[in-house]
Amino acid sequence: MHLRTTQRRNKDGSIVRYVQVAHNRKVDGVTQAAVLVNLGREDTLDRDGLVRLVASINRYLGEPATGGLPAEAAHLVGDQLRVAESRPMGTVHLLDGLWRTLGVDDALRKALGPRRFTTDIERVLFALVANRCVDPMSKLSAAEWASCDAAIPGLACMDDDQAYRAMDVLVAADAQAKVQEAVFFAVANLLNLEVDVLLFDTTSTYFERDTEEEGDNGFRRYGHSKDHRKDLPQIVIGLAVTKEGIPVRCWCWPGNTTDVTVLPEVKDSMRDWRLGRVVTVVDRGFSSEANLAYLKRAGGHYIAGERMRDGSPLVEAALARQGRYQQVRDNLRVKEVRLEASPDRRWVICRAVGGSPVIRTKLRLRSQGPGTKSGG
């Protein structure tokens, strides 16, 4: 196989040459050149392309690369490529598509407003979220991960200072609620959710440090630990979800916050979302008379757990009232009770059947108003 040239003379006497790839074969004992590929006119030939072809053939044959490579082929050394940098991007690319589909990027930009930053805050926050999903690390390690170990669209690199500044801006701009609202309604639209029942509860998480934060703005404080670590400072986290378990919104409070004090803030902050008629479901830690009265404001409705042995006259009267139970599950029966002393409430007493005998559970539900849904 070889390169050959042919030529043609024009009427003006000029000569045009053509380049071909050919190989010789014998036909009736005569050697003839059979053309395999026409490469075109010699004056328009892609010379660099031929050089790359020669280098490729040499690599295949195990021969050393020839000199005189063009600039774009200078990275060809011997029989291999010299890799300058490599980062995985598949999972991050998928997360970035979900991030944009849910409108988090637009919500952040709107919440941050027209202020200009030297760093793209939205991209830094996305990098932190992507790291949390792919390979959870500290802020320092997450910055190194985004700079060296992952390909973040629109963000070549970042450091831990940028990560902390982005989070500070997010808190200072009060963008969290706006972003959560945008994400929830995007999810509700995608999944066709109906928010008629809103379940709310709190938990706590502690920090491995010796002392709590001082000052009025300290978050890490000693309090009632649901992890049974009273010796460590903590924060309180609240979460509201739909009856399907889809998160709606979350809150954070100092670690010494009690459950009974946060419900008015939750109701007020959710009122701006215009969810329509919603039944709020809370457990017995929130069912003080003041909280239940607050939940009824502006025609609100609730389902609240109540302690069976708290000595309340209404509780004792509800438990003593006769009535027939209805089977609602294989292991659960319920009975509805109405009391003249509390005509605006329905008491639902639950009995869990755990084989034999029948065991009365520690949880009962009560709801406000004759038209209120009793939940699942």
Protein backbone atom coordinates (compact mmCIF):
# COMPACT_ATOMS: atom_id res chain seq x y z
CA MET A 1 0.00 0.00 0.00
CA HIS A 2 1.36 3.40 -0.92
CA LEU A 3 0.57 7.00 -1.74
CA ARG A 4 0.51 7.91 -5.40
CA THR A 5 -0.09 11.10 -7.29
CA THR A 6 -1.77 11.76 -10.57
CA GLN A 7 -1.87 14.96 -12.53
CA ARG A 8 -4.05 16.80 -14.98
CA ARG A 9 -3.06 19.68 -17.31
CA ASN A 10 -5.51 22.53 -17.67
CA LYS A 11 -6.13 24.48 -20.90
CA ASP A 12 -4.07 27.36 -19.54
CA GLY A 13 -1.10 25.02 -19.12
CA SER A 14 -1.30 24.76 -15.30
CA ILE A 15 -0.99 21.34 -13.71
CA VAL A 16 -3.26 20.04 -10.93
CA ARG A 17 -2.00 17.09 -8.87
CA TYR A 18 -4.18 14.61 -6.94
CA VAL A 19 -3.14 12.29 -4.09
CA GLN A 20 -4.46 8.77 -3.70
CA VAL A 21 -3.97 5.77 -1.44
CA ALA A 22 -3.38 2.72 -3.65
CA HIS A 23 -2.01 -0.77 -3.60
CA ASN A 24 -0.53 -2.89 -6.35
CA ARG A 25 -2.07 -6.06 -7.65
CA LYS A 26 -1.40 -8.34 -10.61
CA VAL A 27 -3.98 -8.67 -13.36
CA ASP A 28 -3.14 -11.25 -16.04
CA GLY A 29 0.47 -11.10 -14.95
CA VAL A 30 0.61 -7.32 -15.18
CA THR A 31 1.05 -5.16 -12.03
CA GLN A 32 -1.59 -2.46 -11.77
CA ALA A 33 -2.25 0.22 -9.10
CA ALA A 34 -5.71 -0.11 -7.53
CA VAL A 35 -6.96 3.14 -5.91
CA LEU A 36 -8.37 2.65 -2.39
CA VAL A 37 -8.99 6.28 -1.29
CA ASN A 38 -8.90 9.58 -3.16
CA LEU A 39 -7.45 12.19 -0.80
CA GLY A 40 -8.15 15.12 -3.13
CA ARG A 41 -6.10 17.88 -4.69
CA GLU A 42 -2.56 18.20 -3.44
CA ASP A 43 -2.84 21.95 -2.87
CA THR A 44 -5.87 21.46 -0.53
CA LEU A 45 -4.64 18.32 1.18
CA ASP A 46 -5.02 18.06 4.98
CA ARG A 47 -1.34 17.53 5.72
CA ASP A 48 -1.82 17.49 9.50
CA GLY A 49 -4.43 14.79 9.08
CA LEU A 50 -1.90 12.65 7.23
CA VAL A 51 0.64 13.21 10.00
CA ARG A 52 -1.89 12.03 12.59
CA LEU A 53 -2.65 9.00 10.44
CA VAL A 54 1.07 8.14 10.27
CA ALA A 55 1.37 8.51 14.05
CA SER A 56 -1.65 6.28 14.55
CA ILE A 57 -0.19 3.59 12.30
CA ASN A 58 3.13 3.80 14.11
CA ARG A 59 1.44 3.38 17.48
CA TYR A 60 -0.39 0.33 16.20
CA LEU A 61 2.87 -1.16 14.90
CA GLY A 62 4.74 -0.27 18.06
CA GLU A 63 7.06 2.08 16.24
CA PRO A 64 8.31 5.33 17.81
CA ALA A 65 6.39 8.45 16.85
CA THR A 66 7.86 10.49 14.03
CA GLY A 67 8.98 14.09 14.50
CA GLY A 68 7.39 17.16 13.06
CA LEU A 69 3.93 16.66 14.60
CA PRO A 70 1.54 19.60 14.35
CA ALA A 71 0.73 21.63 17.49
CA GLU A 72 -2.66 19.95 18.07
CA ALA A 73 -0.95 16.53 18.02
CA ALA A 74 1.93 17.47 20.29
CA HIS A 75 0.42 15.48 23.16
CA LEU A 76 1.12 12.23 21.29
CA VAL A 77 4.15 10.66 22.94
CA GLY A 78 5.33 7.19 22.06
CA ASP A 79 2.43 4.79 22.03
CA GLN A 80 0.08 6.60 24.44
CA LEU A 81 -1.62 9.88 25.25
CA ARG A 82 -0.41 12.06 28.08
CA VAL A 83 -3.46 12.77 30.23
CA ALA A 84 -3.39 16.25 31.72
CA GLU A 85 -6.48 15.90 33.96
CA SER A 86 -9.44 13.59 34.43
CA ARG A 87 -12.60 14.03 36.53
CA PRO A 88 -15.81 11.96 36.68
CA MET A 89 -18.97 13.88 35.77
CA GLY A 90 -21.81 11.40 35.28
CA THR A 91 -23.50 11.60 38.70
CA VAL A 92 -22.86 15.33 39.05
CA HIS A 93 -24.29 15.91 35.57
CA LEU A 94 -27.45 14.03 36.58
CA LEU A 95 -27.76 16.01 39.82
CA ASP A 96 -27.26 19.27 37.94
CA GLY A 97 -30.13 18.38 35.62
CA LEU A 98 -32.38 17.61 38.60
CA TRP A 99 -31.24 20.86 40.30
CA ARG A 100 -32.31 22.87 37.26
CA THR A 101 -35.53 20.92 36.72
CA LEU A 102 -36.61 21.71 40.27
CA GLY A 103 -35.76 25.36 39.71
CA VAL A 104 -33.24 25.61 42.55
CA ASP A 105 -30.84 27.67 40.43
CA ASP A 106 -33.50 30.24 39.50
CA ALA A 107 -34.83 30.37 43.07
CA LEU A 108 -31.37 31.06 44.45
CA ARG A 109 -30.65 33.81 41.93
CA LYS A 110 -33.97 35.51 42.68
CA ALA A 111 -33.41 35.24 46.42
CA LEU A 112 -29.88 36.65 46.22
CA GLY A 113 -31.10 39.57 44.14
CA PRO A 114 -28.97 41.94 42.04
CA ARG A 115 -25.93 41.84 44.32
CA ARG A 116 -22.70 40.87 42.63
CA PHE A 117 -20.27 38.35 44.05
CA THR A 118 -16.78 37.40 42.95
CA THR A 119 -17.86 33.76 43.15
CA ASP A 120 -20.95 32.20 41.61
CA ILE A 121 -22.82 31.51 44.86
CA GLU A 122 -25.37 29.28 43.17
CA ARG A 123 -22.64 27.04 41.71
CA VAL A 124 -20.80 26.79 45.03
CA LEU A 125 -24.01 25.79 46.82
CA PHE A 126 -24.71 23.21 44.11
CA ALA A 127 -21.20 21.79 44.55
CA LEU A 128 -21.82 21.40 48.30
CA VAL A 129 -25.16 19.66 47.68
CA ALA A 130 -23.63 17.40 45.02
CA ASN A 131 -20.84 16.45 47.38
CA ARG A 132 -23.37 15.63 50.08
CA CYS A 133 -25.16 13.31 47.64
CA VAL A 134 -22.10 11.66 46.08
CA ASP A 135 -19.41 11.54 48.78
CA PRO A 136 -20.29 13.45 51.99
CA MET A 137 -17.34 15.36 53.43
CA SER A 138 -16.46 18.40 55.52
CA LYS A 139 -16.51 21.85 53.90
CA LEU A 140 -12.73 21.78 53.50
CA SER A 141 -12.74 18.35 51.88
CA ALA A 142 -15.81 19.20 49.78
CA ALA A 143 -13.96 22.20 48.32
CA GLU A 144 -11.03 19.97 47.38
CA TRP A 145 -13.43 17.39 45.93
CA ALA A 146 -15.12 20.02 43.74
CA SER A 147 -11.74 21.36 42.59
CA CYS A 148 -9.91 18.10 41.91
CA ASP A 149 -12.18 15.06 41.99
CA ALA A 150 -15.43 16.08 40.25
CA ALA A 151 -16.41 18.10 37.20
CA ILE A 152 -18.87 20.76 38.40
CA PRO A 153 -20.53 22.55 35.44
CA GLY A 154 -19.75 26.25 35.61
CA LEU A 155 -17.29 25.92 38.52
CA ALA A 156 -13.64 25.18 37.78
CA CYS A 157 -12.54 25.21 41.42
CA MET A 158 -13.45 26.51 44.88
CA ASP A 159 -12.02 26.72 48.39
CA ASP A 160 -13.50 26.27 51.84
CA ASP A 161 -13.74 30.05 52.41
CA GLN A 162 -16.03 30.32 49.37
CA ALA A 163 -18.13 27.47 50.73
CA TYR A 164 -18.62 29.17 54.10
CA ARG A 165 -19.29 32.57 52.49
CA ALA A 166 -21.92 31.04 50.21
CA MET A 167 -23.70 29.51 53.20
CA ASP A 168 -23.49 32.80 55.12
CA VAL A 169 -25.04 34.64 52.17
CA LEU A 170 -27.78 32.03 51.97
CA VAL A 171 -28.70 32.60 55.61
CA ALA A 172 -28.30 36.38 55.53
CA ALA A 173 -30.48 36.71 52.45
CA ASP A 174 -33.20 34.58 54.07
CA ALA A 175 -33.20 32.57 50.86
CA GLN A 176 -33.79 29.20 52.48
CA ALA A 177 -37.56 29.57 52.76
CA LYS A 178 -37.86 30.86 49.18
CA VAL A 179 -35.77 28.01 47.81
CA GLN A 180 -37.69 25.40 49.80
CA GLU A 181 -40.97 26.85 48.56
CA ALA A 182 -39.83 26.79 44.92
CA VAL A 183 -38.53 23.22 45.22
CA PHE A 184 -41.66 21.95 46.92
CA PHE A 185 -44.06 23.39 44.37
CA ALA A 186 -41.86 22.04 41.55
CA VAL A 187 -42.03 18.57 43.13
CA ALA A 188 -45.76 18.95 43.75
CA ASN A 189 -46.24 19.78 40.09
CA LEU A 190 -44.11 16.85 38.91
CA LEU A 191 -45.73 14.32 41.27
CA ASN A 192 -49.24 15.85 41.24
CA LEU A 193 -49.25 16.16 45.03
CA GLU A 194 -52.24 17.29 47.04
CA VAL A 195 -51.32 18.97 50.31
CA ASP A 196 -54.39 18.43 52.45
CA VAL A 197 -52.59 16.87 55.43
CA LEU A 198 -49.33 18.27 56.79
CA LEU A 199 -47.39 16.21 59.34
CA PHE A 200 -44.88 18.01 61.55
CA ASP A 201 -42.34 16.82 64.10
CA THR A 202 -38.92 17.71 65.47
CA THR A 203 -35.71 15.91 66.26
CA SER A 204 -32.30 16.91 67.58
CA THR A 205 -28.71 16.32 66.56
CA TYR A 206 -25.69 16.86 68.80
CA PHE A 207 -22.15 18.14 68.26
CA GLU A 208 -18.94 16.63 69.60
CA ARG A 209 -17.70 19.69 71.50
CA ASP A 210 -17.11 20.42 75.17
CA THR A 211 -19.24 23.53 75.66
CA GLU A 212 -22.26 25.21 74.16
CA GLU A 213 -22.12 28.44 72.17
CA GLU A 214 -22.36 31.61 74.17
CA GLY A 215 -24.35 34.72 73.31
CA ASP A 216 -27.91 35.36 72.25
CA ASN A 217 -27.32 34.07 68.73
CA GLY A 218 -25.73 30.76 69.75
CA PHE A 219 -27.34 27.73 68.12
CA ARG A 220 -25.46 24.85 69.69
CA ARG A 221 -27.00 24.69 73.15
CA TYR A 222 -27.72 22.10 75.81
CA GLY A 223 -31.31 20.86 75.78
CA HIS A 224 -33.56 17.83 75.81
CA SER A 225 -31.60 15.36 73.67
CA LYS A 226 -33.58 12.81 71.70
CA ASP A 227 -30.26 11.01 71.19
CA HIS A 228 -29.87 10.71 74.98
CA ARG A 229 -26.73 12.86 74.96
CA LYS A 230 -27.50 15.57 77.48
CA ASP A 231 -23.76 16.12 77.93
CA LEU A 232 -23.33 17.54 74.42
CA PRO A 233 -24.72 20.73 72.84
CA GLN A 234 -27.25 20.26 70.07
CA ILE A 235 -29.65 21.94 67.65
CA VAL A 236 -33.33 21.20 67.08
CA ILE A 237 -34.55 20.38 63.56
CA GLY A 238 -38.19 20.54 62.49
CA LEU A 239 -39.63 18.93 59.37
CA ALA A 240 -43.05 19.16 57.74
CA VAL A 241 -44.01 16.46 55.24
CA THR A 242 -47.06 15.47 53.23
CA LYS A 243 -49.03 12.33 54.04
CA GLU A 244 -46.97 10.59 51.33
CA GLY A 245 -43.78 11.52 53.18
CA ILE A 246 -42.62 14.18 50.68
CA PRO A 247 -40.69 16.94 52.55
CA VAL A 248 -42.36 20.35 52.45
CA ARG A 249 -40.11 22.52 54.59
CA CYS A 250 -37.54 22.27 57.38
CA TRP A 251 -36.49 24.58 60.21
CA CYS A 252 -33.57 24.80 62.64
CA TRP A 253 -33.65 26.19 66.18
CA PRO A 254 -31.20 26.47 69.07
CA GLY A 255 -30.69 23.26 71.01
CA ASN A 256 -32.54 24.51 74.11
CA THR A 257 -35.77 25.10 72.15
CA THR A 258 -38.78 23.11 73.37
CA ASP A 259 -41.33 21.55 71.05
CA VAL A 260 -44.24 23.43 72.55
CA THR A 261 -42.79 26.83 71.58
CA VAL A 262 -42.13 26.34 67.85
CA LEU A 263 -45.60 25.56 66.49
CA PRO A 264 -46.76 29.20 66.08
CA GLU A 265 -43.66 29.98 64.02
CA VAL A 266 -44.26 26.92 61.83
CA LYS A 267 -47.87 27.83 61.19
CA ASP A 268 -47.08 31.48 60.43
CA SER A 269 -44.27 30.64 58.02
CA MET A 270 -46.40 28.10 56.15
CA ARG A 271 -49.31 30.53 55.87
CA ASP A 272 -47.41 32.55 53.24
CA TRP A 273 -47.21 29.49 50.98
CA ARG A 274 -50.95 29.61 50.22
CA LEU A 275 -51.41 25.86 50.44
CA GLY A 276 -55.15 26.17 50.93
CA ARG A 277 -57.07 24.10 53.46
CA VAL A 278 -54.55 21.97 55.34
CA VAL A 279 -54.98 19.70 58.35
CA THR A 280 -51.87 19.95 60.55
CA VAL A 281 -50.88 16.72 62.32
CA VAL A 282 -48.67 16.92 65.44
CA ASP A 283 -47.82 14.56 68.25
CA ARG A 284 -48.45 14.98 71.95
CA GLY A 285 -45.34 17.13 72.45
CA PHE A 286 -47.09 20.01 70.68
CA SER A 287 -50.65 19.59 71.96
CA SER A 288 -50.79 22.33 74.56
CA GLU A 289 -54.02 24.30 74.76
CA ALA A 290 -52.24 27.41 73.51
CA ASN A 291 -50.85 25.57 70.46
CA LEU A 292 -54.18 23.97 69.59
CA ALA A 293 -55.88 27.36 69.85
CA TYR A 294 -53.21 28.82 67.55
CA LEU A 295 -53.73 26.06 64.99
CA LYS A 296 -57.47 26.92 64.90
CA ARG A 297 -56.82 30.54 63.96
CA ALA A 298 -58.23 31.66 60.61
CA GLY A 299 -60.27 28.46 60.29
CA GLY A 300 -57.34 26.11 60.71
CA HIS A 301 -57.70 22.41 61.47
CA TYR A 302 -55.51 19.95 63.31
CA ILE A 303 -55.03 16.36 64.42
CA ALA A 304 -53.05 16.17 67.64
CA GLY A 305 -51.83 13.37 69.85
CA GLU A 306 -52.83 13.42 73.51
CA ARG A 307 -51.34 11.79 76.57
CA MET A 308 -53.59 9.08 77.97
CA ARG A 309 -52.38 9.37 81.53
CA ASP A 310 -51.90 13.11 81.99
CA GLY A 311 -54.80 13.38 84.45
CA SER A 312 -56.87 15.68 82.22
CA PRO A 313 -60.62 15.49 82.95
CA LEU A 314 -61.37 15.55 79.22
CA VAL A 315 -59.02 12.62 78.63
CA GLU A 316 -60.59 10.59 81.41
CA ALA A 317 -64.09 11.40 80.15
CA ALA A 318 -63.17 10.38 76.59
CA LEU A 319 -61.68 7.08 77.76
CA ALA A 320 -64.70 6.32 79.93
CA ARG A 321 -67.26 6.98 77.18
CA GLN A 322 -68.91 3.82 75.86
CA GLY A 323 -68.94 3.07 72.14
CA ARG A 324 -68.21 0.49 69.49
CA TYR A 325 -64.80 0.21 67.87
CA GLN A 326 -64.38 0.00 64.10
CA GLN A 327 -61.70 -2.14 62.45
CA VAL A 328 -59.53 0.08 60.20
CA ARG A 329 -56.46 -2.18 59.89
CA ASP A 330 -55.66 -5.79 60.65
CA ASN A 331 -54.07 -4.72 63.93
CA LEU A 332 -55.90 -1.46 64.66
CA ARG A 333 -59.38 -0.50 65.81
CA VAL A 334 -60.65 3.02 66.48
CA LYS A 335 -63.58 4.63 68.27
CA GLU A 336 -64.82 8.20 67.85
CA VAL A 337 -66.05 10.03 70.94
CA ARG A 338 -67.67 13.45 71.31
CA LEU A 339 -67.91 15.24 74.64
CA GLU A 340 -70.33 17.95 75.61
CA ALA A 341 -67.52 19.69 77.47
CA SER A 342 -65.54 20.07 74.20
CA PRO A 343 -68.09 20.19 71.37
CA ASP A 344 -65.54 21.52 68.86
CA ARG A 345 -63.37 18.41 69.13
CA ARG A 346 -63.59 14.82 68.01
CA TRP A 347 -61.69 12.29 70.10
CA VAL A 348 -60.44 9.21 68.28
CA ILE A 349 -59.34 6.43 70.62
CA CYS A 350 -57.09 3.79 69.08
CA ARG A 351 -56.63 0.20 70.19
CA ALA A 352 -53.77 -1.81 68.75
CA VAL A 353 -54.39 -5.54 68.53
CA GLY A 354 -51.14 -7.40 69.17
CA GLY A 355 -52.52 -10.91 69.24
CA SER A 356 -54.12 -11.48 72.61
CA PRO A 357 -54.93 -9.60 74.75
CA VAL A 358 -55.96 -6.30 73.18
CA ILE A 359 -53.53 -3.51 74.15
CA ARG A 360 -54.61 0.10 74.44
CA THR A 361 -52.07 2.32 72.72
CA LYS A 362 -50.53 5.44 74.22
CA LEU A 363 -51.62 7.57 71.29
CA ARG A 364 -55.02 9.03 70.62
CA LEU A 365 -55.93 11.60 68.01
CA ARG A 366 -58.30 14.48 68.32
CA SER A 367 -59.38 16.88 65.61
CA GLN A 368 -61.14 20.23 65.54
CA GLY A 369 -64.46 20.86 63.86
CA PRO A 370 -67.16 18.48 62.66
CA GLY A 371 -65.93 18.65 59.06
CA THR A 372 -62.27 17.96 59.75
CA LYS A 373 -60.61 14.99 58.12
CA SER A 374 -59.33 12.40 60.55
CA GLY A 375 -56.38 11.34 58.41
CA GLY A 376 -55.22 7.88 57.46
